[in-house]
Protein backbone atom coordinates (compact mmCIF):
# COMPACT_ATOMS: atom_id res chain seq x y z
CA MET A 1 -23.59 -34.53 -73.83
CA GLU A 2 -23.86 -37.70 -71.77
CA ILE A 3 -20.14 -38.33 -71.32
CA ARG A 4 -20.16 -38.36 -67.53
CA GLY A 5 -22.94 -40.92 -67.35
CA GLU A 6 -21.34 -43.15 -69.96
CA LEU A 7 -17.88 -43.03 -68.40
CA ALA A 8 -19.14 -43.44 -64.85
CA GLY A 9 -20.97 -46.60 -65.90
CA CYS A 10 -17.84 -48.22 -67.36
CA ALA A 11 -15.52 -50.35 -65.31
CA SER A 12 -12.04 -49.08 -64.65
CA GLY A 13 -9.63 -50.37 -67.28
CA ASP A 14 -12.42 -51.16 -69.75
CA PRO A 15 -11.11 -50.52 -73.29
CA ASP A 16 -14.20 -48.44 -74.10
CA THR A 17 -13.54 -46.20 -71.09
CA ASP A 18 -9.93 -45.71 -72.11
CA TYR A 19 -11.04 -44.82 -75.64
CA CYS A 20 -13.69 -42.35 -74.44
CA LEU A 21 -11.21 -40.68 -72.08
CA SER A 22 -8.67 -40.46 -74.88
CA VAL A 23 -11.22 -38.78 -77.14
CA LEU A 24 -12.21 -36.41 -74.32
CA ARG A 25 -8.60 -35.44 -73.58
CA THR A 26 -7.86 -34.72 -77.22
CA SER A 27 -11.11 -32.83 -77.80
CA VAL A 28 -10.79 -30.19 -75.07
CA ALA A 29 -7.95 -27.96 -73.88
CA HIS A 30 -8.72 -28.51 -70.19
CA PRO A 31 -5.65 -30.22 -68.68
CA ARG A 32 -7.72 -32.23 -66.18
CA ALA A 33 -10.87 -33.01 -68.12
CA ALA A 34 -11.26 -36.49 -66.64
CA ASP A 35 -10.86 -35.10 -63.12
CA LEU A 36 -13.84 -32.82 -63.68
CA LEU A 37 -15.93 -35.89 -64.41
CA PHE A 38 -14.68 -38.26 -61.72
CA HIS A 39 -13.29 -35.92 -59.04
CA PRO A 40 -14.96 -32.54 -59.56
CA PRO A 41 -13.87 -29.48 -57.56
CA ALA A 42 -16.00 -28.41 -54.59
CA HIS A 43 -18.16 -26.00 -56.59
CA LEU A 44 -19.14 -28.80 -59.02
CA VAL A 45 -19.62 -31.75 -56.66
CA ASP A 46 -23.42 -31.67 -56.79
CA ALA A 47 -23.66 -30.01 -60.20
CA PRO A 48 -25.68 -31.64 -62.97
CA PRO A 49 -23.65 -33.27 -65.76
CA ARG A 50 -24.55 -30.41 -68.11
CA ARG A 51 -22.81 -27.89 -65.80
CA ILE A 52 -19.67 -30.03 -65.55
CA VAL A 53 -19.52 -30.47 -69.32
CA ALA A 54 -19.90 -26.68 -69.68
CA GLU A 55 -16.68 -26.26 -67.68
CA LEU A 56 -14.64 -28.17 -70.27
CA PRO A 57 -14.67 -25.57 -73.08
CA ALA A 58 -14.65 -22.71 -70.53
CA TYR A 59 -11.02 -23.44 -69.68
CA ARG A 60 -8.62 -21.05 -71.38
CA PRO A 61 -4.87 -21.68 -71.20
CA ILE A 62 -2.72 -18.73 -70.17
CA ALA A 63 -0.96 -17.16 -73.12
CA LEU A 64 2.70 -16.63 -72.35
């Protein structure tokens, strides 16, 4: 999955970027999916894109 590379290469406000982010947000349950790509937490800063993408489906919402 090459999402990070594709989105990082797009200019901010580009319609394609907005579309890709919209698809990403609706495809995964992670509440901050875009943040993982553009502003990853400390343990993922130097991680390869594959590791960051693996975090997206690993998120599990808390069942109340």
